[in-house]
Amino acid sequence: GRHMAGFLGLTPREYSSGLRRRLGRISKRGDVYLRMLLIHKARSVL
């Protein structure tokens, strides 16, 4: 499921080097429309 969420651009970007792991904002790499639908549905659930 993490791979699918990453495909949709909902997982954090990673800027890592060596043993230091830095997670940033969501990658926004996937389909804009699907990501927008999922985020709006999440707001509705909240």
PDB file of all heavy atoms in Angstrom:
ATOM      1  N   GLY A   1       0.811  -1.208   0.000  1.00  0.00           N
ATOM      2  CA  GLY A   1       0.000   0.000   0.000  1.00  0.00           C
ATOM      3  C   GLY A   1       0.848   1.261   0.000  1.00  0.00           C
ATOM      4  O   GLY A   1       0.449   2.287  -0.547  1.00  0.00           O
ATOM      5  N   ARG A   2       2.022   1.185   0.613  1.00  0.00           N
ATOM      6  CA  ARG A   2       2.926   2.343   0.614  1.00  0.00           C
ATOM      7  C   ARG A   2       3.388   2.676  -0.799  1.00  0.00           C
ATOM      8  O   ARG A   2       3.525   3.842  -1.150  1.00  0.00           O
ATOM      9  CB  ARG A   2       4.119   2.095   1.515  1.00  0.00           C
ATOM     10  CG  ARG A   2       5.111   3.248   1.478  1.00  0.00           C
ATOM     11  CD  ARG A   2       5.883   3.381   2.758  1.00  0.00           C
ATOM     12  NE  ARG A   2       6.922   4.385   2.637  1.00  0.00           N
ATOM     13  CZ  ARG A   2       6.794   5.647   3.011  1.00  0.00           C
ATOM     14  NH1 ARG A   2       5.667   6.061   3.535  1.00  0.00           N
ATOM     15  NH2 ARG A   2       7.783   6.490   2.881  1.00  0.00           N
ATOM     16  N   HIS A   3       3.628   1.657  -1.607  1.00  0.00           N
ATOM     17  CA  HIS A   3       4.020   1.902  -2.995  1.00  0.00           C
ATOM     18  C   HIS A   3       2.895   2.590  -3.770  1.00  0.00           C
ATOM     19  O   HIS A   3       3.152   3.490  -4.575  1.00  0.00           O
ATOM     20  CB  HIS A   3       4.412   0.594  -3.666  1.00  0.00           C
ATOM     21  CG  HIS A   3       5.729   0.068  -3.239  1.00  0.00           C
ATOM     22  ND1 HIS A   3       5.886  -0.738  -2.143  1.00  0.00           N
ATOM     23  CD2 HIS A   3       6.969   0.261  -3.742  1.00  0.00           C
ATOM     24  CE1 HIS A   3       7.148  -1.044  -2.001  1.00  0.00           C
ATOM     25  NE2 HIS A   3       7.844  -0.439  -2.953  1.00  0.00           N
ATOM     26  N   MET A   4       1.652   2.179  -3.518  1.00  0.00           N
ATOM     27  CA  MET A   4       0.530   2.821  -4.202  1.00  0.00           C
ATOM     28  C   MET A   4       0.358   4.263  -3.723  1.00  0.00           C
ATOM     29  O   MET A   4       0.115   5.166  -4.521  1.00  0.00           O
ATOM     30  CB  MET A   4      -0.763   2.043  -3.995  1.00  0.00           C
ATOM     31  CG  MET A   4      -1.905   2.569  -4.843  1.00  0.00           C
ATOM     32  SD  MET A   4      -3.316   1.494  -4.845  1.00  0.00           S
ATOM     33  CE  MET A   4      -4.505   2.538  -4.044  1.00  0.00           C
ATOM     34  N   ALA A   5       0.511   4.488  -2.410  1.00  0.00           N
ATOM     35  CA  ALA A   5       0.411   5.849  -1.885  1.00  0.00           C
ATOM     36  C   ALA A   5       1.543   6.718  -2.448  1.00  0.00           C
ATOM     37  O   ALA A   5       1.330   7.898  -2.753  1.00  0.00           O
ATOM     38  CB  ALA A   5       0.455   5.835  -0.360  1.00  0.00           C
ATOM     39  N   GLY A   6       2.719   6.143  -2.591  1.00  0.00           N
ATOM     40  CA  GLY A   6       3.838   6.873  -3.199  1.00  0.00           C
ATOM     41  C   GLY A   6       3.579   7.182  -4.660  1.00  0.00           C
ATOM     42  O   GLY A   6       3.927   8.257  -5.156  1.00  0.00           O
ATOM     43  N   PHE A   7       2.953   6.255  -5.375  1.00  0.00           N
ATOM     44  CA  PHE A   7       2.608   6.458  -6.777  1.00  0.00           C
ATOM     45  C   PHE A   7       1.622   7.609  -6.929  1.00  0.00           C
ATOM     46  O   PHE A   7       1.666   8.352  -7.907  1.00  0.00           O
ATOM     47  CB  PHE A   7       2.020   5.162  -7.338  1.00  0.00           C
ATOM     48  CG  PHE A   7       1.590   5.243  -8.765  1.00  0.00           C
ATOM     49  CD1 PHE A   7       2.527   5.277  -9.783  1.00  0.00           C
ATOM     50  CD2 PHE A   7       0.250   5.276  -9.098  1.00  0.00           C
ATOM     51  CE1 PHE A   7       2.120   5.344 -11.107  1.00  0.00           C
ATOM     52  CE2 PHE A   7      -0.160   5.346 -10.404  1.00  0.00           C
ATOM     53  CZ  PHE A   7       0.785   5.376 -11.426  1.00  0.00           C
ATOM     54  N   LEU A   8       0.757   7.776  -5.924  1.00  0.00           N
ATOM     55  CA  LEU A   8      -0.214   8.867  -5.958  1.00  0.00           C
ATOM     56  C   LEU A   8       0.368  10.185  -5.444  1.00  0.00           C
ATOM     57  O   LEU A   8      -0.303  11.206  -5.466  1.00  0.00           O
ATOM     58  CB  LEU A   8      -1.448   8.493  -5.130  1.00  0.00           C
ATOM     59  CG  LEU A   8      -2.248   7.306  -5.659  1.00  0.00           C
ATOM     60  CD1 LEU A   8      -3.334   6.922  -4.674  1.00  0.00           C
ATOM     61  CD2 LEU A   8      -2.830   7.609  -7.018  1.00  0.00           C
ATOM     62  N   GLY A   9       1.598  10.158  -4.947  1.00  0.00           N
ATOM     63  CA  GLY A   9       2.258  11.374  -4.477  1.00  0.00           C
ATOM     64  C   GLY A   9       1.858  11.776  -3.072  1.00  0.00           C
ATOM     65  O   GLY A   9       1.915  12.951  -2.720  1.00  0.00           O
ATOM     66  N   LEU A  10       1.471  10.811  -2.236  1.00  0.00           N
ATOM     67  CA  LEU A  10       1.002  11.113  -0.882  1.00  0.00           C
ATOM     68  C   LEU A  10       2.023  10.796   0.203  1.00  0.00           C
ATOM     69  O   LEU A  10       1.749  11.008   1.371  1.00  0.00           O
ATOM     70  CB  LEU A  10      -0.291  10.336  -0.599  1.00  0.00           C
ATOM     71  CG  LEU A  10      -1.523  10.836  -1.337  1.00  0.00           C
ATOM     72  CD1 LEU A  10      -2.657   9.843  -1.211  1.00  0.00           C
ATOM     73  CD2 LEU A  10      -1.935  12.192  -0.825  1.00  0.00           C
ATOM     74  N   THR A  11       3.178  10.272  -0.157  1.00  0.00           N
ATOM     75  CA  THR A  11       4.198   9.942   0.841  1.00  0.00           C
ATOM     76  C   THR A  11       5.254  11.042   0.882  1.00  0.00           C
ATOM     77  O   THR A  11       5.450  11.767  -0.095  1.00  0.00           O
ATOM     78  CB  THR A  11       4.863   8.595   0.532  1.00  0.00           C
ATOM     79  OG1 THR A  11       5.362   8.631  -0.799  1.00  0.00           O
ATOM     80  CG2 THR A  11       3.881   7.460   0.672  1.00  0.00           C
ATOM     81  N   PRO A  12       5.952  11.190   1.997  1.00  0.00           N
ATOM     82  CA  PRO A  12       6.928  12.267   2.110  1.00  0.00           C
ATOM     83  C   PRO A  12       8.138  12.072   1.205  1.00  0.00           C
ATOM     84  O   PRO A  12       8.549  10.943   0.943  1.00  0.00           O
ATOM     85  CB  PRO A  12       7.356  12.248   3.576  1.00  0.00           C
ATOM     86  CG  PRO A  12       6.717  11.092   4.203  1.00  0.00           C
ATOM     87  CD  PRO A  12       5.803  10.456   3.233  1.00  0.00           C
ATOM     88  N   ARG A  13       8.684  13.182   0.748  1.00  0.00           N
ATOM     89  CA  ARG A  13       9.945  13.126   0.005  1.00  0.00           C
ATOM     90  C   ARG A  13      11.049  12.841   0.997  1.00  0.00           C
ATOM     91  O   ARG A  13      10.978  13.223   2.151  1.00  0.00           O
ATOM     92  CB  ARG A  13      10.210  14.453  -0.691  1.00  0.00           C
ATOM     93  CG  ARG A  13       9.201  14.712  -1.801  1.00  0.00           C
ATOM     94  CD  ARG A  13       9.614  15.879  -2.604  1.00  0.00           C
ATOM     95  NE  ARG A  13      10.654  15.416  -3.512  1.00  0.00           N
ATOM     96  CZ  ARG A  13      11.107  16.130  -4.531  1.00  0.00           C
ATOM     97  NH1 ARG A  13      10.633  17.322  -4.742  1.00  0.00           N
ATOM     98  NH2 ARG A  13      12.032  15.668  -5.309  1.00  0.00           N
ATOM     99  N   GLU A  14      12.071  12.184   0.511  1.00  0.00           N
ATOM    100  CA  GLU A  14      13.157  11.811   1.400  1.00  0.00           C
ATOM    101  C   GLU A  14      14.458  12.431   0.901  1.00  0.00           C
ATOM    102  O   GLU A  14      14.805  12.327  -0.263  1.00  0.00           O
ATOM    103  CB  GLU A  14      13.288  10.283   1.453  1.00  0.00           C
ATOM    104  CG  GLU A  14      14.246   9.808   2.483  1.00  0.00           C
ATOM    105  CD  GLU A  14      14.146   8.316   2.709  1.00  0.00           C
ATOM    106  OE1 GLU A  14      13.259   7.668   2.142  1.00  0.00           O
ATOM    107  OE2 GLU A  14      14.973   7.807   3.468  1.00  0.00           O
ATOM    108  N   TYR A  15      15.131  13.106   1.813  1.00  0.00           N
ATOM    109  CA  TYR A  15      16.439  13.695   1.538  1.00  0.00           C
ATOM    110  C   TYR A  15      17.401  13.061   2.533  1.00  0.00           C
ATOM    111  O   TYR A  15      17.563  13.561   3.637  1.00  0.00           O
ATOM    112  CB  TYR A  15      16.408  15.208   1.744  1.00  0.00           C
ATOM    113  CG  TYR A  15      15.335  15.903   0.941  1.00  0.00           C
ATOM    114  CD1 TYR A  15      14.124  16.239   1.520  1.00  0.00           C
ATOM    115  CD2 TYR A  15      15.538  16.220  -0.391  1.00  0.00           C
ATOM    116  CE1 TYR A  15      13.134  16.867   0.796  1.00  0.00           C
ATOM    117  CE2 TYR A  15      14.550  16.852  -1.130  1.00  0.00           C
ATOM    118  CZ  TYR A  15      13.352  17.174  -0.527  1.00  0.00           C
ATOM    119  OH  TYR A  15      12.378  17.801  -1.255  1.00  0.00           O
ATOM    120  N   SER A  16      17.982  11.941   2.145  1.00  0.00           N
ATOM    121  CA  SER A  16      18.803  11.211   3.097  1.00  0.00           C
ATOM    122  C   SER A  16      20.224  11.077   2.588  1.00  0.00           C
ATOM    123  O   SER A  16      20.478  11.055   1.391  1.00  0.00           O
ATOM    124  CB  SER A  16      18.223   9.825   3.342  1.00  0.00           C
ATOM    125  OG  SER A  16      16.937   9.936   3.868  1.00  0.00           O
ATOM    126  N   SER A  17      21.131  10.970   3.538  1.00  0.00           N
ATOM    127  CA  SER A  17      22.530  10.758   3.224  1.00  0.00           C
ATOM    128  C   SER A  17      23.161  10.005   4.393  1.00  0.00           C
ATOM    129  O   SER A  17      23.074  10.450   5.543  1.00  0.00           O
ATOM    130  CB  SER A  17      23.239  12.103   3.023  1.00  0.00           C
ATOM    131  OG  SER A  17      24.614  11.890   2.822  1.00  0.00           O
ATOM    132  N   GLY A  18      23.761   8.888   4.088  1.00  0.00           N
ATOM    133  CA  GLY A  18      24.394   8.112   5.150  1.00  0.00           C
ATOM    134  C   GLY A  18      23.378   7.640   6.166  1.00  0.00           C
ATOM    135  O   GLY A  18      22.373   7.050   5.831  1.00  0.00           O
ATOM    136  N   LEU A  19      23.627   7.921   7.421  1.00  0.00           N
ATOM    137  CA  LEU A  19      22.725   7.496   8.486  1.00  0.00           C
ATOM    138  C   LEU A  19      21.690   8.556   8.839  1.00  0.00           C
ATOM    139  O   LEU A  19      20.822   8.318   9.655  1.00  0.00           O
ATOM    140  CB  LEU A  19      23.537   7.134   9.736  1.00  0.00           C
ATOM    141  CG  LEU A  19      24.471   5.942   9.570  1.00  0.00           C
ATOM    142  CD1 LEU A  19      25.279   5.731  10.845  1.00  0.00           C
ATOM    143  CD2 LEU A  19      23.703   4.699   9.217  1.00  0.00           C
ATOM    144  N   ARG A  20      21.786   9.720   8.257  1.00  0.00           N
ATOM    145  CA  ARG A  20      20.836  10.798   8.549  1.00  0.00           C
ATOM    146  C   ARG A  20      19.660  10.714   7.578  1.00  0.00           C
ATOM    147  O   ARG A  20      19.844  10.817   6.368  1.00  0.00           O
ATOM    148  CB  ARG A  20      21.531  12.139   8.436  1.00  0.00           C
ATOM    149  CG  ARG A  20      20.566  13.296   8.552  1.00  0.00           C
ATOM    150  CD  ARG A  20      21.288  14.603   8.694  1.00  0.00           C
ATOM    151  NE  ARG A  20      21.210  14.926  10.105  1.00  0.00           N
ATOM    152  CZ  ARG A  20      22.151  15.536  10.773  1.00  0.00           C
ATOM    153  NH1 ARG A  20      23.272  15.850  10.189  1.00  0.00           N
ATOM    154  NH2 ARG A  20      21.989  15.819  12.037  1.00  0.00           N
ATOM    155  N   ARG A  21      18.477  10.548   8.131  1.00  0.00           N
ATOM    156  CA  ARG A  21      17.266  10.428   7.318  1.00  0.00           C
ATOM    157  C   ARG A  21      16.405  11.663   7.515  1.00  0.00           C
ATOM    158  O   ARG A  21      16.016  11.972   8.640  1.00  0.00           O
ATOM    159  CB  ARG A  21      16.500   9.177   7.731  1.00  0.00           C
ATOM    160  CG  ARG A  21      15.331   8.894   6.848  1.00  0.00           C
ATOM    161  CD  ARG A  21      14.721   7.553   7.197  1.00  0.00           C
ATOM    162  NE  ARG A  21      13.677   7.260   6.243  1.00  0.00           N
ATOM    163  CZ  ARG A  21      12.618   6.533   6.513  1.00  0.00           C
ATOM    164  NH1 ARG A  21      12.478   6.001   7.706  1.00  0.00           N
ATOM    165  NH2 ARG A  21      11.714   6.323   5.604  1.00  0.00           N
ATOM    166  N   ARG A  22      16.099  12.351   6.441  1.00  0.00           N
ATOM    167  CA  ARG A  22      15.270  13.552   6.501  1.00  0.00           C
ATOM    168  C   ARG A  22      14.049  13.355   5.609  1.00  0.00           C
ATOM    169  O   ARG A  22      14.187  13.110   4.414  1.00  0.00           O
ATOM    170  CB  ARG A  22      16.050  14.765   6.021  1.00  0.00           C
ATOM    171  CG  ARG A  22      17.212  15.129   6.902  1.00  0.00           C
ATOM    172  CD  ARG A  22      17.906  16.387   6.378  1.00  0.00           C
ATOM    173  NE  ARG A  22      19.311  16.295   6.695  1.00  0.00           N
ATOM    174  CZ  ARG A  22      20.281  16.009   5.841  1.00  0.00           C
ATOM    175  NH1 ARG A  22      19.999  15.793   4.579  1.00  0.00           N
ATOM    176  NH2 ARG A  22      21.536  15.950   6.222  1.00  0.00           N
ATOM    177  N   LEU A  23      12.877  13.475   6.201  1.00  0.00           N
ATOM    178  CA  LEU A  23      11.633  13.374   5.449  1.00  0.00           C
ATOM    179  C   LEU A  23      11.042  14.771   5.293  1.00  0.00           C
ATOM    180  O   LEU A  23      10.974  15.527   6.252  1.00  0.00           O
ATOM    181  CB  LEU A  23      10.640  12.460   6.168  1.00  0.00           C
ATOM    182  CG  LEU A  23      11.075  11.009   6.299  1.00  0.00           C
ATOM    183  CD1 LEU A  23      10.055  10.241   7.118  1.00  0.00           C
ATOM    184  CD2 LEU A  23      11.267  10.365   4.959  1.00  0.00           C
ATOM    185  N   GLY A  24      10.621  15.088   4.095  1.00  0.00           N
ATOM    186  CA  GLY A  24      10.083  16.415   3.816  1.00  0.00           C
ATOM    187  C   GLY A  24       8.581  16.384   3.605  1.00  0.00           C
ATOM    188  O   GLY A  24       7.854  15.584   4.179  1.00  0.00           O
ATOM    189  N   ARG A  25       8.128  17.256   2.744  1.00  0.00           N
ATOM    190  CA  ARG A  25       6.702  17.349   2.420  1.00  0.00           C
ATOM    191  C   ARG A  25       6.310  16.231   1.468  1.00  0.00           C
ATOM    192  O   ARG A  25       7.163  15.495   0.990  1.00  0.00           O
ATOM    193  CB  ARG A  25       6.416  18.691   1.777  1.00  0.00           C
ATOM    194  CG  ARG A  25       6.727  19.831   2.708  1.00  0.00           C
ATOM    195  CD  ARG A  25       6.529  21.146   2.041  1.00  0.00           C
ATOM    196  NE  ARG A  25       6.783  22.198   3.015  1.00  0.00           N
ATOM    197  CZ  ARG A  25       6.781  23.473   2.734  1.00  0.00           C
ATOM    198  NH1 ARG A  25       6.539  23.869   1.508  1.00  0.00           N
ATOM    199  NH2 ARG A  25       7.005  24.355   3.669  1.00  0.00           N
ATOM    200  N   ILE A  26       5.012  16.116   1.157  1.00  0.00           N
ATOM    201  CA  ILE A  26       4.592  15.064   0.241  1.00  0.00           C
ATOM    202  C   ILE A  26       5.175  15.337  -1.139  1.00  0.00           C
ATOM    203  O   ILE A  26       5.418  16.492  -1.520  1.00  0.00           O
ATOM    204  CB  ILE A  26       3.057  14.919   0.170  1.00  0.00           C
ATOM    205  CG1 ILE A  26       2.387  16.177  -0.327  1.00  0.00           C
ATOM    206  CG2 ILE A  26       2.503  14.463   1.497  1.00  0.00           C
ATOM    207  CD1 ILE A  26       0.904  16.013  -0.613  1.00  0.00           C
ATOM    208  N   SER A  27       5.414  14.270  -1.887  1.00  0.00           N
ATOM    209  CA  SER A  27       6.144  14.404  -3.146  1.00  0.00           C
ATOM    210  C   SER A  27       5.320  15.026  -4.268  1.00  0.00           C
ATOM    211  O   SER A  27       5.877  15.649  -5.163  1.00  0.00           O
ATOM    212  CB  SER A  27       6.647  13.032  -3.594  1.00  0.00           C
ATOM    213  OG  SER A  27       5.562  12.179  -3.869  1.00  0.00           O
ATOM    214  N   LYS A  28       4.003  14.850  -4.249  1.00  0.00           N
ATOM    215  CA  LYS A  28       3.107  15.375  -5.286  1.00  0.00           C
ATOM    216  C   LYS A  28       3.499  14.879  -6.678  1.00  0.00           C
ATOM    217  O   LYS A  28       3.366  15.592  -7.666  1.00  0.00           O
ATOM    218  CB  LYS A  28       3.078  16.906  -5.271  1.00  0.00           C
ATOM    219  CG  LYS A  28       2.536  17.495  -4.009  1.00  0.00           C
ATOM    220  CD  LYS A  28       2.454  19.001  -4.123  1.00  0.00           C
ATOM    221  CE  LYS A  28       1.944  19.596  -2.841  1.00  0.00           C
ATOM    222  NZ  LYS A  28       1.876  21.045  -2.899  1.00  0.00           N
ATOM    223  N   ARG A  29       3.983  13.647  -6.769  1.00  0.00           N
ATOM    224  CA  ARG A  29       4.450  13.103  -8.033  1.00  0.00           C
ATOM    225  C   ARG A  29       3.355  12.442  -8.861  1.00  0.00           C
ATOM    226  O   ARG A  29       3.498  12.276 -10.044  1.00  0.00           O
ATOM    227  CB  ARG A  29       5.559  12.069  -7.780  1.00  0.00           C
ATOM    228  CG  ARG A  29       6.831  12.646  -7.268  1.00  0.00           C
ATOM    229  CD  ARG A  29       7.533  13.390  -8.371  1.00  0.00           C
ATOM    230  NE  ARG A  29       8.741  14.009  -7.888  1.00  0.00           N
ATOM    231  CZ  ARG A  29       9.924  13.794  -8.416  1.00  0.00           C
ATOM    232  NH1 ARG A  29      10.071  12.988  -9.435  1.00  0.00           N
ATOM    233  NH2 ARG A  29      10.969  14.427  -7.933  1.00  0.00           N
ATOM    234  N   GLY A  30       2.288  12.018  -8.229  1.00  0.00           N
ATOM    235  CA  GLY A  30       1.265  11.243  -8.926  1.00  0.00           C
ATOM    236  C   GLY A  30       0.219  12.109  -9.594  1.00  0.00           C
ATOM    237  O   GLY A  30       0.420  13.295  -9.881  1.00  0.00           O
ATOM    238  N   ASP A  31      -0.921  11.508  -9.835  1.00  0.00           N
ATOM    239  CA  ASP A  31      -2.025  12.175 -10.496  1.00  0.00           C
ATOM    240  C   ASP A  31      -2.637  13.236  -9.574  1.00  0.00           C
ATOM    241  O   ASP A  31      -3.040  12.938  -8.452  1.00  0.00           O
ATOM    242  CB  ASP A  31      -3.087  11.138 -10.879  1.00  0.00           C
ATOM    243  CG  ASP A  31      -4.197  11.729 -11.716  1.00  0.00           C
ATOM    244  OD1 ASP A  31      -3.883  12.455 -12.666  1.00  0.00           O
ATOM    245  OD2 ASP A  31      -5.375  11.464 -11.403  1.00  0.00           O
ATOM    246  N   VAL A  32      -2.695  14.452 -10.036  1.00  0.00           N
ATOM    247  CA  VAL A  32      -3.183  15.580  -9.247  1.00  0.00           C
ATOM    248  C   VAL A  32      -4.648  15.396  -8.876  1.00  0.00           C
ATOM    249  O   VAL A  32      -5.050  15.658  -7.735  1.00  0.00           O
ATOM    250  CB  VAL A  32      -2.993  16.902 -10.036  1.00  0.00           C
ATOM    251  CG1 VAL A  32      -3.560  18.079  -9.277  1.00  0.00           C
ATOM    252  CG2 VAL A  32      -1.544  17.118 -10.360  1.00  0.00           C
ATOM    253  N   TYR A  33      -5.447  14.925  -9.817  1.00  0.00           N
ATOM    254  CA  TYR A  33      -6.880  14.777  -9.590  1.00  0.00           C
ATOM    255  C   TYR A  33      -7.168  13.726  -8.516  1.00  0.00           C
ATOM    256  O   TYR A  33      -7.967  13.965  -7.605  1.00  0.00           O
ATOM    257  CB  TYR A  33      -7.571  14.407 -10.905  1.00  0.00           C
ATOM    258  CG  TYR A  33      -9.058  14.226 -10.790  1.00  0.00           C
ATOM    259  CD1 TYR A  33      -9.883  15.315 -10.498  1.00  0.00           C
ATOM    260  CD2 TYR A  33      -9.641  12.982 -10.959  1.00  0.00           C
ATOM    261  CE1 TYR A  33     -11.250  15.155 -10.394  1.00  0.00           C
ATOM    262  CE2 TYR A  33     -11.006  12.819 -10.852  1.00  0.00           C
ATOM    263  CZ  TYR A  33     -11.799  13.911 -10.570  1.00  0.00           C
ATOM    264  OH  TYR A  33     -13.153  13.755 -10.452  1.00  0.00           O
ATOM    265  N   LEU A  34      -6.523  12.576  -8.596  1.00  0.00           N
ATOM    266  CA  LEU A  34      -6.738  11.535  -7.594  1.00  0.00           C
ATOM    267  C   LEU A  34      -6.269  11.962  -6.219  1.00  0.00           C
ATOM    268  O   LEU A  34      -6.922  11.689  -5.217  1.00  0.00           O
ATOM    269  CB  LEU A  34      -5.994  10.256  -8.000  1.00  0.00           C
ATOM    270  CG  LEU A  34      -6.817   9.203  -8.699  1.00  0.00           C
ATOM    271  CD1 LEU A  34      -5.965   8.006  -9.025  1.00  0.00           C
ATOM    272  CD2 LEU A  34      -8.012   8.813  -7.911  1.00  0.00           C
ATOM    273  N   ARG A  35      -5.124  12.639  -6.163  1.00  0.00           N
ATOM    274  CA  ARG A  35      -4.616  13.115  -4.880  1.00  0.00           C
ATOM    275  C   ARG A  35      -5.584  14.129  -4.275  1.00  0.00           C
ATOM    276  O   ARG A  35      -5.883  14.100  -3.087  1.00  0.00           O
ATOM    277  CB  ARG A  35      -3.221  13.717  -5.051  1.00  0.00           C
ATOM    278  CG  ARG A  35      -2.514  13.998  -3.754  1.00  0.00           C
ATOM    279  CD  ARG A  35      -1.077  14.413  -3.926  1.00  0.00           C
ATOM    280  NE  ARG A  35      -0.877  15.449  -4.910  1.00  0.00           N
ATOM    281  CZ  ARG A  35      -0.371  15.249  -6.130  1.00  0.00           C
ATOM    282  NH1 ARG A  35       0.000  14.050  -6.497  1.00  0.00           N
ATOM    283  NH2 ARG A  35      -0.228  16.247  -6.978  1.00  0.00           N
ATOM    284  N   MET A  36      -6.115  15.013  -5.093  1.00  0.00           N
ATOM    285  CA  MET A  36      -7.077  16.003  -4.629  1.00  0.00           C
ATOM    286  C   MET A  36      -8.344  15.322  -4.111  1.00  0.00           C
ATOM    287  O   MET A  36      -8.856  15.674  -3.046  1.00  0.00           O
ATOM    288  CB  MET A  36      -7.427  16.959  -5.776  1.00  0.00           C
ATOM    289  CG  MET A  36      -8.385  18.070  -5.411  1.00  0.00           C
ATOM    290  SD  MET A  36     -10.129  17.874  -5.869  1.00  0.00           S
ATOM    291  CE  MET A  36     -10.136  17.198  -7.473  1.00  0.00           C
ATOM    292  N   LEU A  37      -8.828  14.305  -4.823  1.00  0.00           N
ATOM    293  CA  LEU A  37     -10.022  13.582  -4.382  1.00  0.00           C
ATOM    294  C   LEU A  37      -9.782  12.902  -3.034  1.00  0.00           C
ATOM    295  O   LEU A  37     -10.612  12.988  -2.126  1.00  0.00           O
ATOM    296  CB  LEU A  37     -10.411  12.520  -5.408  1.00  0.00           C
ATOM    297  CG  LEU A  37     -11.188  12.977  -6.635  1.00  0.00           C
ATOM    298  CD1 LEU A  37     -11.410  11.798  -7.578  1.00  0.00           C
ATOM    299  CD2 LEU A  37     -12.507  13.590  -6.263  1.00  0.00           C
ATOM    300  N   LEU A  38      -8.646  12.242  -2.887  1.00  0.00           N
ATOM    301  CA  LEU A  38      -8.367  11.538  -1.636  1.00  0.00           C
ATOM    302  C   LEU A  38      -8.223  12.501  -0.463  1.00  0.00           C
ATOM    303  O   LEU A  38      -8.699  12.221   0.639  1.00  0.00           O
ATOM    304  CB  LEU A  38      -7.112  10.679  -1.786  1.00  0.00           C
ATOM    305  CG  LEU A  38      -7.309   9.386  -2.576  1.00  0.00           C
ATOM    306  CD1 LEU A  38      -5.979   8.727  -2.856  1.00  0.00           C
ATOM    307  CD2 LEU A  38      -8.216   8.440  -1.821  1.00  0.00           C
ATOM    308  N   ILE A  39      -7.589  13.640  -0.684  1.00  0.00           N
ATOM    309  CA  ILE A  39      -7.427  14.608   0.401  1.00  0.00           C
ATOM    310  C   ILE A  39      -8.775  15.225   0.768  1.00  0.00           C
ATOM    311  O   ILE A  39      -9.084  15.398   1.955  1.00  0.00           O
ATOM    312  CB  ILE A  39      -6.377  15.675   0.036  1.00  0.00           C
ATOM    313  CG1 ILE A  39      -4.995  15.026   0.002  1.00  0.00           C
ATOM    314  CG2 ILE A  39      -6.394  16.830   1.030  1.00  0.00           C
ATOM    315  CD1 ILE A  39      -3.881  15.921  -0.487  1.00  0.00           C
ATOM    316  N   HIS A  40      -9.612  15.509  -0.209  1.00  0.00           N
ATOM    317  CA  HIS A  40     -10.947  16.042   0.104  1.00  0.00           C
ATOM    318  C   HIS A  40     -11.793  15.011   0.838  1.00  0.00           C
ATOM    319  O   HIS A  40     -12.550  15.365   1.756  1.00  0.00           O
ATOM    320  CB  HIS A  40     -11.660  16.495  -1.165  1.00  0.00           C
ATOM    321  CG  HIS A  40     -11.221  17.841  -1.650  1.00  0.00           C
ATOM    322  ND1 HIS A  40     -11.102  18.932  -0.822  1.00  0.00           N
ATOM    323  CD2 HIS A  40     -10.863  18.270  -2.872  1.00  0.00           C
ATOM    324  CE1 HIS A  40     -10.698  19.970  -1.529  1.00  0.00           C
ATOM    325  NE2 HIS A  40     -10.537  19.585  -2.780  1.00  0.00           N
ATOM    326  N   LYS A  41     -11.672  13.759   0.454  1.00  0.00           N
ATOM    327  CA  LYS A  41     -12.422  12.710   1.150  1.00  0.00           C
ATOM    328  C   LYS A  41     -11.916  12.556   2.580  1.00  0.00           C
ATOM    329  O   LYS A  41     -12.693  12.306   3.498  1.00  0.00           O
ATOM    330  CB  LYS A  41     -12.337  11.385   0.399  1.00  0.00           C
ATOM    331  CG  LYS A  41     -12.938  11.430  -0.986  1.00  0.00           C
ATOM    332  CD  LYS A  41     -14.355  11.956  -0.950  1.00  0.00           C
ATOM    333  CE  LYS A  41     -14.896  12.125  -2.351  1.00  0.00           C
ATOM    334  NZ  LYS A  41     -16.266  12.602  -2.385  1.00  0.00           N
ATOM    335  N   ALA A  42     -10.611  12.712   2.775  1.00  0.00           N
ATOM    336  CA  ALA A  42     -10.053  12.638   4.125  1.00  0.00           C
ATOM    337  C   ALA A  42     -10.567  13.795   4.976  1.00  0.00           C
ATOM    338  O   ALA A  42     -10.890  13.615   6.156  1.00  0.00           O
ATOM    339  CB  ALA A  42      -8.536  12.660   4.061  1.00  0.00           C
ATOM    340  N   ARG A  43     -10.683  14.978   4.399  1.00  0.00           N
ATOM    341  CA  ARG A  43     -11.248  16.117   5.124  1.00  0.00           C
ATOM    342  C   ARG A  43     -12.695  15.835   5.517  1.00  0.00           C
ATOM    343  O   ARG A  43     -13.143  16.189   6.607  1.00  0.00           O
ATOM    344  CB  ARG A  43     -11.197  17.380   4.273  1.00  0.00           C
ATOM    345  CG  ARG A  43      -9.821  17.945   4.099  1.00  0.00           C
ATOM    346  CD  ARG A  43      -9.900  19.145   3.142  1.00  0.00           C
ATOM    347  NE  ARG A  43      -8.626  19.367   2.517  1.00  0.00           N
ATOM    348  CZ  ARG A  43      -7.713  20.214   2.959  1.00  0.00           C
ATOM    349  NH1 ARG A  43      -7.954  20.920   4.040  1.00  0.00           N
ATOM    350  NH2 ARG A  43      -6.573  20.366   2.331  1.00  0.00           N
ATOM    351  N   SER A  44     -13.429  15.200   4.623  1.00  0.00           N
ATOM    352  CA  SER A  44     -14.815  14.846   4.905  1.00  0.00           C
ATOM    353  C   SER A  44     -14.910  13.842   6.054  1.00  0.00           C
ATOM    354  O   SER A  44     -15.763  13.974   6.933  1.00  0.00           O
ATOM    355  CB  SER A  44     -15.455  14.259   3.643  1.00  0.00           C
ATOM    356  OG  SER A  44     -16.716  13.738   3.926  1.00  0.00           O
ATOM    357  N   VAL A  45     -14.023  12.846   6.060  1.00  0.00           N
ATOM    358  CA  VAL A  45     -14.018  11.859   7.144  1.00  0.00           C
ATOM    359  C   VAL A  45     -13.697  12.544   8.469  1.00  0.00           C
ATOM    360  O   VAL A  45     -14.330  12.264   9.489  1.00  0.00           O
ATOM    361  CB  VAL A  45     -13.013  10.727   6.837  1.00  0.00           C
ATOM    362  CG1 VAL A  45     -12.794   9.841   8.046  1.00  0.00           C
ATOM    363  CG2 VAL A  45     -13.501   9.889   5.660  1.00  0.00           C
ATOM    364  N   LEU A  46     -12.732  13.466   8.462  1.00  0.00           N
ATOM    365  CA  LEU A  46     -12.389  14.211   9.678  1.00  0.00           C
ATOM    366  C   LEU A  46     -13.574  15.036  10.168  1.00  0.00           C
ATOM    367  O   LEU A  46     -13.862  15.071  11.365  1.00  0.00           O
ATOM    368  CB  LEU A  46     -11.204  15.145   9.417  1.00  0.00           C
ATOM    369  CG  LEU A  46      -9.822  14.567   9.582  1.00  0.00           C
ATOM    370  CD1 LEU A  46      -8.775  15.556   9.086  1.00  0.00           C
ATOM    371  CD2 LEU A  46      -9.562  14.220  11.023  1.00  0.00           C
TER     372      LEU A  46
END
